Full PDB file with SEQRES, HELIX, SHEET, SSBOND, CRYST1, ORIGX, SCALE, CONECT and MASTER records, all heavy atoms in Angstrom:
SEQRES   1 A   33  SER THR ILE PRO LEU PHE SER GLN ASN GLN GLN ASP ALA          
SEQRES   2 A   33  GLU GLN ILE ARG ALA GLN GLY PHE SER ALA VAL THR VAL          
SEQRES   3 A   33  LEU ASP ASP ARG THR GLU ILE                                  
HELIX    1 AA1 GLN A   10  ALA A   18  1                                   9    
SHEET    1 AA1 2 LEU A   5  SER A   7  0                                        
SHEET    2 AA1 2 VAL A  24  VAL A  26  1                                        
CRYST1    1.000    1.000    1.000  90.00  90.00  90.00 P 1           1          
ORIGX1      1.000000  0.000000  0.000000        0.00000                         
ORIGX2      0.000000  1.000000  0.000000        0.00000                         
ORIGX3      0.000000  0.000000  1.000000        0.00000                         
SCALE1      1.000000  0.000000  0.000000        0.00000                         
SCALE2      0.000000  1.000000  0.000000        0.00000                         
SCALE3      0.000000  0.000000  1.000000        0.00000                         
ATOM      1  N   SER A   1      12.033  -3.040   0.507  1.00  0.00           N  
ATOM      2  CA  SER A   1      10.915  -2.913   1.388  1.00  0.00           C  
ATOM      3  C   SER A   1      10.454  -1.484   1.691  1.00  0.00           C  
ATOM      4  O   SER A   1       9.386  -1.264   2.157  1.00  0.00           O  
ATOM      5  CB  SER A   1      11.263  -3.575   2.764  1.00  0.00           C  
ATOM      6  OG  SER A   1      12.314  -2.939   3.398  1.00  0.00           O  
ATOM      7  N   THR A   2      11.349  -0.534   1.321  1.00  0.00           N  
ATOM      8  CA  THR A   2      10.958   0.898   1.568  1.00  0.00           C  
ATOM      9  C   THR A   2      10.449   1.594   0.342  1.00  0.00           C  
ATOM     10  O   THR A   2      10.066   2.798   0.444  1.00  0.00           O  
ATOM     11  CB  THR A   2      12.252   1.626   1.979  1.00  0.00           C  
ATOM     12  OG1 THR A   2      13.312   1.423   1.001  1.00  0.00           O  
ATOM     13  CG2 THR A   2      12.698   1.145   3.396  1.00  0.00           C  
ATOM     14  N   ILE A   3      10.242   0.927  -0.724  1.00  0.00           N  
ATOM     15  CA  ILE A   3       9.732   1.599  -2.003  1.00  0.00           C  
ATOM     16  C   ILE A   3       8.319   2.017  -1.800  1.00  0.00           C  
ATOM     17  O   ILE A   3       7.523   1.219  -1.188  1.00  0.00           O  
ATOM     18  CB  ILE A   3       9.903   0.579  -3.192  1.00  0.00           C  
ATOM     19  CG1 ILE A   3       9.727   1.392  -4.536  1.00  0.00           C  
ATOM     20  CG2 ILE A   3       8.897  -0.503  -3.133  1.00  0.00           C  
ATOM     21  CD1 ILE A   3      10.156   0.579  -5.765  1.00  0.00           C  
ATOM     22  N   PRO A   4       7.897   3.131  -2.284  1.00  0.00           N  
ATOM     23  CA  PRO A   4       6.496   3.469  -2.289  1.00  0.00           C  
ATOM     24  C   PRO A   4       5.609   2.464  -3.014  1.00  0.00           C  
ATOM     25  O   PRO A   4       5.911   2.149  -4.155  1.00  0.00           O  
ATOM     26  CB  PRO A   4       6.394   4.840  -2.961  1.00  0.00           C  
ATOM     27  CG  PRO A   4       7.768   5.336  -2.810  1.00  0.00           C  
ATOM     28  CD  PRO A   4       8.702   4.273  -2.926  1.00  0.00           C  
ATOM     29  N   LEU A   5       4.665   1.945  -2.354  1.00  0.00           N  
ATOM     30  CA  LEU A   5       3.882   0.813  -2.885  1.00  0.00           C  
ATOM     31  C   LEU A   5       2.388   1.114  -2.748  1.00  0.00           C  
ATOM     32  O   LEU A   5       1.981   1.470  -1.599  1.00  0.00           O  
ATOM     33  CB  LEU A   5       4.277  -0.476  -2.249  1.00  0.00           C  
ATOM     34  CG  LEU A   5       3.748  -1.846  -2.975  1.00  0.00           C  
ATOM     35  CD1 LEU A   5       4.641  -2.946  -2.677  1.00  0.00           C  
ATOM     36  CD2 LEU A   5       2.279  -2.149  -2.420  1.00  0.00           C  
ATOM     37  N   PHE A   6       1.609   0.905  -3.831  1.00  0.00           N  
ATOM     38  CA  PHE A   6       0.185   1.214  -3.766  1.00  0.00           C  
ATOM     39  C   PHE A   6      -0.638  -0.020  -3.978  1.00  0.00           C  
ATOM     40  O   PHE A   6      -0.362  -0.849  -4.809  1.00  0.00           O  
ATOM     41  CB  PHE A   6      -0.131   2.225  -4.865  1.00  0.00           C  
ATOM     42  CG  PHE A   6       0.524   3.510  -4.655  1.00  0.00           C  
ATOM     43  CD1 PHE A   6       1.819   3.786  -5.231  1.00  0.00           C  
ATOM     44  CD2 PHE A   6      -0.094   4.626  -4.028  1.00  0.00           C  
ATOM     45  CE1 PHE A   6       2.468   5.010  -4.931  1.00  0.00           C  
ATOM     46  CE2 PHE A   6       0.570   5.871  -3.823  1.00  0.00           C  
ATOM     47  CZ  PHE A   6       1.809   6.047  -4.297  1.00  0.00           C  
ATOM     48  N   SER A   7      -1.598  -0.269  -3.075  1.00  0.00           N  
ATOM     49  CA  SER A   7      -2.504  -1.436  -3.137  1.00  0.00           C  
ATOM     50  C   SER A   7      -3.930  -0.983  -3.393  1.00  0.00           C  
ATOM     51  O   SER A   7      -4.319   0.238  -3.173  1.00  0.00           O  
ATOM     52  CB  SER A   7      -2.382  -2.227  -1.919  1.00  0.00           C  
ATOM     53  OG  SER A   7      -2.924  -1.504  -0.826  1.00  0.00           O  
ATOM     54  N   GLN A   8      -4.789  -1.982  -3.747  1.00  0.00           N  
ATOM     55  CA  GLN A   8      -6.170  -1.646  -4.095  1.00  0.00           C  
ATOM     56  C   GLN A   8      -7.094  -1.343  -2.926  1.00  0.00           C  
ATOM     57  O   GLN A   8      -8.070  -0.657  -3.025  1.00  0.00           O  
ATOM     58  CB  GLN A   8      -6.809  -2.795  -4.985  1.00  0.00           C  
ATOM     59  CG  GLN A   8      -6.946  -4.083  -4.146  1.00  0.00           C  
ATOM     60  CD  GLN A   8      -7.813  -5.082  -4.944  1.00  0.00           C  
ATOM     61  OE1 GLN A   8      -8.707  -4.698  -5.654  1.00  0.00           O  
ATOM     62  NE2 GLN A   8      -7.608  -6.329  -4.663  1.00  0.00           N  
ATOM     63  N   ASN A   9      -6.813  -1.906  -1.795  1.00  0.00           N  
ATOM     64  CA  ASN A   9      -7.633  -1.815  -0.623  1.00  0.00           C  
ATOM     65  C   ASN A   9      -6.920  -2.024   0.632  1.00  0.00           C  
ATOM     66  O   ASN A   9      -5.712  -2.350   0.654  1.00  0.00           O  
ATOM     67  CB  ASN A   9      -8.895  -2.721  -0.757  1.00  0.00           C  
ATOM     68  CG  ASN A   9      -8.521  -4.200  -0.922  1.00  0.00           C  
ATOM     69  OD1 ASN A   9      -7.488  -4.667  -0.394  1.00  0.00           O  
ATOM     70  ND2 ASN A   9      -9.334  -4.941  -1.633  1.00  0.00           N  
ATOM     71  N   GLN A  10      -7.554  -1.890   1.830  1.00  0.00           N  
ATOM     72  CA  GLN A  10      -6.906  -1.950   3.131  1.00  0.00           C  
ATOM     73  C   GLN A  10      -6.494  -3.411   3.329  1.00  0.00           C  
ATOM     74  O   GLN A  10      -5.430  -3.646   3.981  1.00  0.00           O  
ATOM     75  CB  GLN A  10      -7.855  -1.505   4.218  1.00  0.00           C  
ATOM     76  CG  GLN A  10      -7.197  -1.342   5.584  1.00  0.00           C  
ATOM     77  CD  GLN A  10      -6.089  -0.337   5.513  1.00  0.00           C  
ATOM     78  OE1 GLN A  10      -6.155   0.812   4.915  1.00  0.00           O  
ATOM     79  NE2 GLN A  10      -4.999  -0.645   6.259  1.00  0.00           N  
ATOM     80  N   GLN A  11      -7.289  -4.390   2.948  1.00  0.00           N  
ATOM     81  CA  GLN A  11      -6.954  -5.757   3.166  1.00  0.00           C  
ATOM     82  C   GLN A  11      -5.645  -6.108   2.497  1.00  0.00           C  
ATOM     83  O   GLN A  11      -4.796  -6.724   3.136  1.00  0.00           O  
ATOM     84  CB  GLN A  11      -8.011  -6.656   2.687  1.00  0.00           C  
ATOM     85  CG  GLN A  11      -7.808  -8.164   2.850  1.00  0.00           C  
ATOM     86  CD  GLN A  11      -8.957  -9.010   2.280  1.00  0.00           C  
ATOM     87  OE1 GLN A  11     -10.131  -8.489   2.080  1.00  0.00           O  
ATOM     88  NE2 GLN A  11      -8.678 -10.253   1.947  1.00  0.00           N  
ATOM     89  N   ASP A  12      -5.462  -5.747   1.304  1.00  0.00           N  
ATOM     90  CA  ASP A  12      -4.165  -5.958   0.607  1.00  0.00           C  
ATOM     91  C   ASP A  12      -3.097  -5.282   1.290  1.00  0.00           C  
ATOM     92  O   ASP A  12      -1.934  -5.718   1.301  1.00  0.00           O  
ATOM     93  CB  ASP A  12      -4.310  -5.662  -0.869  1.00  0.00           C  
ATOM     94  CG  ASP A  12      -5.101  -6.702  -1.712  1.00  0.00           C  
ATOM     95  OD1 ASP A  12      -5.578  -7.648  -1.048  1.00  0.00           O  
ATOM     96  OD2 ASP A  12      -5.063  -6.576  -2.965  1.00  0.00           O  
ATOM     97  N   ALA A  13      -3.355  -3.985   1.597  1.00  0.00           N  
ATOM     98  CA  ALA A  13      -2.229  -3.170   2.275  1.00  0.00           C  
ATOM     99  C   ALA A  13      -1.734  -3.850   3.502  1.00  0.00           C  
ATOM    100  O   ALA A  13      -0.539  -3.911   3.751  1.00  0.00           O  
ATOM    101  CB  ALA A  13      -2.797  -1.816   2.547  1.00  0.00           C  
ATOM    102  N   GLU A  14      -2.663  -4.310   4.320  1.00  0.00           N  
ATOM    103  CA  GLU A  14      -2.242  -5.009   5.622  1.00  0.00           C  
ATOM    104  C   GLU A  14      -1.416  -6.240   5.343  1.00  0.00           C  
ATOM    105  O   GLU A  14      -0.462  -6.485   6.032  1.00  0.00           O  
ATOM    106  CB  GLU A  14      -3.511  -5.286   6.434  1.00  0.00           C  
ATOM    107  CG  GLU A  14      -4.253  -4.089   7.003  1.00  0.00           C  
ATOM    108  CD  GLU A  14      -5.521  -4.405   7.692  1.00  0.00           C  
ATOM    109  OE1 GLU A  14      -5.869  -5.569   7.760  1.00  0.00           O  
ATOM    110  OE2 GLU A  14      -6.169  -3.468   8.207  1.00  0.00           O  
ATOM    111  N   GLN A  15      -1.841  -6.975   4.309  1.00  0.00           N  
ATOM    112  CA  GLN A  15      -1.072  -8.148   3.915  1.00  0.00           C  
ATOM    113  C   GLN A  15       0.318  -7.814   3.444  1.00  0.00           C  
ATOM    114  O   GLN A  15       1.303  -8.498   3.866  1.00  0.00           O  
ATOM    115  CB  GLN A  15      -1.826  -8.914   2.808  1.00  0.00           C  
ATOM    116  CG  GLN A  15      -1.052 -10.184   2.266  1.00  0.00           C  
ATOM    117  CD  GLN A  15      -1.879 -10.842   1.217  1.00  0.00           C  
ATOM    118  OE1 GLN A  15      -3.062 -10.623   0.946  1.00  0.00           O  
ATOM    119  NE2 GLN A  15      -1.183 -11.554   0.340  1.00  0.00           N  
ATOM    120  N   ILE A  16       0.461  -6.786   2.700  1.00  0.00           N  
ATOM    121  CA  ILE A  16       1.721  -6.375   2.125  1.00  0.00           C  
ATOM    122  C   ILE A  16       2.649  -5.764   3.292  1.00  0.00           C  
ATOM    123  O   ILE A  16       3.833  -6.004   3.245  1.00  0.00           O  
ATOM    124  CB  ILE A  16       1.639  -5.444   0.942  1.00  0.00           C  
ATOM    125  CG1 ILE A  16       0.927  -6.181  -0.219  1.00  0.00           C  
ATOM    126  CG2 ILE A  16       2.941  -4.830   0.496  1.00  0.00           C  
ATOM    127  CD1 ILE A  16       0.414  -5.295  -1.290  1.00  0.00           C  
ATOM    128  N   ARG A  17       2.023  -5.010   4.157  1.00  0.00           N  
ATOM    129  CA  ARG A  17       2.757  -4.511   5.320  1.00  0.00           C  
ATOM    130  C   ARG A  17       3.251  -5.623   6.109  1.00  0.00           C  
ATOM    131  O   ARG A  17       4.451  -5.583   6.624  1.00  0.00           O  
ATOM    132  CB  ARG A  17       1.936  -3.570   6.105  1.00  0.00           C  
ATOM    133  CG  ARG A  17       1.628  -2.167   5.436  1.00  0.00           C  
ATOM    134  CD  ARG A  17       0.779  -1.305   6.356  1.00  0.00           C  
ATOM    135  NE  ARG A  17       0.346  -0.114   5.648  1.00  0.00           N  
ATOM    136  CZ  ARG A  17      -0.916   0.173   5.473  1.00  0.00           C  
ATOM    137  NH1 ARG A  17      -1.889  -0.544   5.877  1.00  0.00           N  
ATOM    138  NH2 ARG A  17      -1.253   1.266   4.783  1.00  0.00           N  
ATOM    139  N   ALA A  18       2.450  -6.621   6.316  1.00  0.00           N  
ATOM    140  CA  ALA A  18       2.928  -7.818   7.128  1.00  0.00           C  
ATOM    141  C   ALA A  18       4.082  -8.552   6.485  1.00  0.00           C  
ATOM    142  O   ALA A  18       4.824  -9.313   7.190  1.00  0.00           O  
ATOM    143  CB  ALA A  18       1.730  -8.761   7.340  1.00  0.00           C  
ATOM    144  N   GLN A  19       4.235  -8.360   5.160  1.00  0.00           N  
ATOM    145  CA  GLN A  19       5.369  -8.960   4.447  1.00  0.00           C  
ATOM    146  C   GLN A  19       6.577  -8.132   4.535  1.00  0.00           C  
ATOM    147  O   GLN A  19       7.564  -8.471   3.880  1.00  0.00           O  
ATOM    148  CB  GLN A  19       4.905  -9.141   2.998  1.00  0.00           C  
ATOM    149  CG  GLN A  19       3.848 -10.321   2.865  1.00  0.00           C  
ATOM    150  CD  GLN A  19       3.101 -10.298   1.593  1.00  0.00           C  
ATOM    151  OE1 GLN A  19       3.176  -9.244   0.755  1.00  0.00           O  
ATOM    152  NE2 GLN A  19       2.332 -11.314   1.278  1.00  0.00           N  
ATOM    153  N   GLY A  20       6.558  -7.005   5.239  1.00  0.00           N  
ATOM    154  CA  GLY A  20       7.776  -6.193   5.530  1.00  0.00           C  
ATOM    155  C   GLY A  20       7.900  -4.898   4.789  1.00  0.00           C  
ATOM    156  O   GLY A  20       8.844  -4.205   4.919  1.00  0.00           O  
ATOM    157  N   PHE A  21       6.849  -4.493   4.085  1.00  0.00           N  
ATOM    158  CA  PHE A  21       6.866  -3.254   3.337  1.00  0.00           C  
ATOM    159  C   PHE A  21       6.321  -2.091   4.135  1.00  0.00           C  
ATOM    160  O   PHE A  21       5.308  -2.216   4.749  1.00  0.00           O  
ATOM    161  CB  PHE A  21       6.197  -3.400   2.021  1.00  0.00           C  
ATOM    162  CG  PHE A  21       6.871  -4.367   0.993  1.00  0.00           C  
ATOM    163  CD1 PHE A  21       6.760  -5.734   1.159  1.00  0.00           C  
ATOM    164  CD2 PHE A  21       7.740  -3.747   0.058  1.00  0.00           C  
ATOM    165  CE1 PHE A  21       7.454  -6.583   0.305  1.00  0.00           C  
ATOM    166  CE2 PHE A  21       8.463  -4.712  -0.825  1.00  0.00           C  
ATOM    167  CZ  PHE A  21       8.279  -6.017  -0.688  1.00  0.00           C  
ATOM    168  N   SER A  22       7.160  -1.014   4.136  1.00  0.00           N  
ATOM    169  CA  SER A  22       6.837   0.054   5.184  1.00  0.00           C  
ATOM    170  C   SER A  22       6.273   1.283   4.576  1.00  0.00           C  
ATOM    171  O   SER A  22       5.912   2.183   5.288  1.00  0.00           O  
ATOM    172  CB  SER A  22       8.254   0.477   5.776  1.00  0.00           C  
ATOM    173  OG  SER A  22       9.073   0.878   4.829  1.00  0.00           O  
ATOM    174  N   ALA A  23       6.165   1.300   3.219  1.00  0.00           N  
ATOM    175  CA  ALA A  23       5.586   2.507   2.623  1.00  0.00           C  
ATOM    176  C   ALA A  23       4.307   2.193   1.724  1.00  0.00           C  
ATOM    177  O   ALA A  23       4.396   2.482   0.539  1.00  0.00           O  
ATOM    178  CB  ALA A  23       6.698   3.266   1.855  1.00  0.00           C  
ATOM    179  N   VAL A  24       3.386   1.552   2.307  1.00  0.00           N  
ATOM    180  CA  VAL A  24       2.263   1.115   1.500  1.00  0.00           C  
ATOM    181  C   VAL A  24       1.048   2.177   1.721  1.00  0.00           C  
ATOM    182  O   VAL A  24       0.744   2.480   2.742  1.00  0.00           O  
ATOM    183  CB  VAL A  24       1.816  -0.265   2.032  1.00  0.00           C  
ATOM    184  CG1 VAL A  24       0.600  -0.810   1.208  1.00  0.00           C  
ATOM    185  CG2 VAL A  24       2.946  -1.271   1.950  1.00  0.00           C  
ATOM    186  N   THR A  25       0.471   2.567   0.535  1.00  0.00           N  
ATOM    187  CA  THR A  25      -0.631   3.432   0.467  1.00  0.00           C  
ATOM    188  C   THR A  25      -1.788   2.765  -0.212  1.00  0.00           C  
ATOM    189  O   THR A  25      -1.596   2.157  -1.298  1.00  0.00           O  
ATOM    190  CB  THR A  25      -0.200   4.704  -0.239  1.00  0.00           C  
ATOM    191  OG1 THR A  25       0.881   5.397   0.330  1.00  0.00           O  
ATOM    192  CG2 THR A  25      -1.440   5.699  -0.347  1.00  0.00           C  
ATOM    193  N   VAL A  26      -2.943   2.917   0.331  1.00  0.00           N  
ATOM    194  CA  VAL A  26      -4.207   2.392  -0.254  1.00  0.00           C  
ATOM    195  C   VAL A  26      -4.629   3.374  -1.309  1.00  0.00           C  
ATOM    196  O   VAL A  26      -4.803   4.531  -1.078  1.00  0.00           O  
ATOM    197  CB  VAL A  26      -5.271   2.113   0.758  1.00  0.00           C  
ATOM    198  CG1 VAL A  26      -6.580   1.695   0.047  1.00  0.00           C  
ATOM    199  CG2 VAL A  26      -4.798   1.102   1.732  1.00  0.00           C  
ATOM    200  N   LEU A  27      -4.829   2.928  -2.538  1.00  0.00           N  
ATOM    201  CA  LEU A  27      -5.452   3.832  -3.598  1.00  0.00           C  
ATOM    202  C   LEU A  27      -6.786   4.231  -3.259  1.00  0.00           C  
ATOM    203  O   LEU A  27      -7.696   3.401  -2.940  1.00  0.00           O  
ATOM    204  CB  LEU A  27      -5.314   3.009  -4.932  1.00  0.00           C  
ATOM    205  CG  LEU A  27      -3.972   2.796  -5.620  1.00  0.00           C  
ATOM    206  CD1 LEU A  27      -4.211   1.764  -6.727  1.00  0.00           C  
ATOM    207  CD2 LEU A  27      -3.368   4.039  -6.171  1.00  0.00           C  
ATOM    208  N   ASP A  28      -7.059   5.550  -3.281  1.00  0.00           N  
ATOM    209  CA  ASP A  28      -8.417   6.047  -3.276  1.00  0.00           C  
ATOM    210  C   ASP A  28      -9.034   5.914  -4.660  1.00  0.00           C  
ATOM    211  O   ASP A  28      -8.352   5.485  -5.582  1.00  0.00           O  
ATOM    212  CB  ASP A  28      -8.435   7.496  -2.886  1.00  0.00           C  
ATOM    213  CG  ASP A  28      -7.996   7.683  -1.501  1.00  0.00           C  
ATOM    214  OD1 ASP A  28      -8.348   6.883  -0.585  1.00  0.00           O  
ATOM    215  OD2 ASP A  28      -7.254   8.674  -1.138  1.00  0.00           O  
ATOM    216  N   ASP A  29     -10.264   6.263  -4.808  1.00  0.00           N  
ATOM    217  CA  ASP A  29     -10.847   6.233  -6.138  1.00  0.00           C  
ATOM    218  C   ASP A  29     -10.030   7.170  -7.028  1.00  0.00           C  
ATOM    219  O   ASP A  29      -9.819   6.877  -8.219  1.00  0.00           O  
ATOM    220  CB  ASP A  29     -12.297   6.799  -6.058  1.00  0.00           C  
ATOM    221  CG  ASP A  29     -13.203   5.771  -5.401  1.00  0.00           C  
ATOM    222  OD1 ASP A  29     -12.811   4.539  -5.353  1.00  0.00           O  
ATOM    223  OD2 ASP A  29     -14.303   6.178  -4.943  1.00  0.00           O  
ATOM    224  N   ARG A  30      -9.505   8.282  -6.471  1.00  0.00           N  
ATOM    225  CA  ARG A  30      -8.546   9.171  -7.182  1.00  0.00           C  
ATOM    226  C   ARG A  30      -7.387   9.466  -6.241  1.00  0.00           C  
ATOM    227  O   ARG A  30      -7.608   9.812  -5.122  1.00  0.00           O  
ATOM    228  CB  ARG A  30      -9.275  10.509  -7.527  1.00  0.00           C  
ATOM    229  CG  ARG A  30      -8.340  11.534  -8.081  1.00  0.00           C  
ATOM    230  CD  ARG A  30      -9.114  12.788  -8.458  1.00  0.00           C  
ATOM    231  NE  ARG A  30      -8.171  13.801  -8.954  1.00  0.00           N  
ATOM    232  CZ  ARG A  30      -8.595  14.920  -9.730  1.00  0.00           C  
ATOM    233  NH1 ARG A  30      -9.877  15.041 -10.002  1.00  0.00           N  
ATOM    234  NH2 ARG A  30      -7.706  15.796 -10.070  1.00  0.00           N  
ATOM    235  N   THR A  31      -6.235   9.165  -6.834  1.00  0.00           N  
ATOM    236  CA  THR A  31      -4.996   9.305  -5.948  1.00  0.00           C  
ATOM    237  C   THR A  31      -4.001  10.218  -6.766  1.00  0.00           C  
ATOM    238  O   THR A  31      -3.791   9.958  -8.078  1.00  0.00           O  
ATOM    239  CB  THR A  31      -4.335   7.995  -5.741  1.00  0.00           C  
ATOM    240  OG1 THR A  31      -5.269   7.178  -4.984  1.00  0.00           O  
ATOM    241  CG2 THR A  31      -3.004   8.176  -4.937  1.00  0.00           C  
ATOM    242  N   GLU A  32      -3.466  11.252  -6.206  1.00  0.00           N  
ATOM    243  CA  GLU A  32      -2.413  12.071  -6.885  1.00  0.00           C  
ATOM    244  C   GLU A  32      -1.143  11.539  -6.461  1.00  0.00           C  
ATOM    245  O   GLU A  32      -0.728  11.485  -5.269  1.00  0.00           O  
ATOM    246  CB  GLU A  32      -2.550  13.501  -6.401  1.00  0.00           C  
ATOM    247  CG  GLU A  32      -4.025  14.144  -6.744  1.00  0.00           C  
ATOM    248  CD  GLU A  32      -4.337  14.210  -8.093  1.00  0.00           C  
ATOM    249  OE1 GLU A  32      -3.396  14.318  -8.965  1.00  0.00           O  
ATOM    250  OE2 GLU A  32      -5.527  14.141  -8.454  1.00  0.00           O  
ATOM    251  N   ILE A  33      -0.297  11.270  -7.487  1.00  0.00           N  
ATOM    252  CA  ILE A  33       1.116  10.762  -7.254  1.00  0.00           C  
ATOM    253  C   ILE A  33       2.003  11.843  -7.955  1.00  0.00           C  
ATOM    254  O   ILE A  33       2.158  11.817  -9.115  1.00  0.00           O  
ATOM    255  CB  ILE A  33       1.393   9.378  -7.793  1.00  0.00           C  
ATOM    256  CG1 ILE A  33       0.433   8.379  -7.216  1.00  0.00           C  
ATOM    257  CG2 ILE A  33       2.864   8.963  -7.567  1.00  0.00           C  
ATOM    258  CD1 ILE A  33       0.575   7.020  -7.745  1.00  0.00           C  
TER     259      ILE A  33                                                      
MASTER        0    0    0    1    2    0    0    6  258    1    0    3          
END                                                                             
């Protein structure tokens, strides 16, 4: 649940956070990893 996780938008991020994941980032059009 602590793994860095990237989602496509805020809606998906909120869903995944509600599933217990604590390190969720929404992808911008351009994201530096």
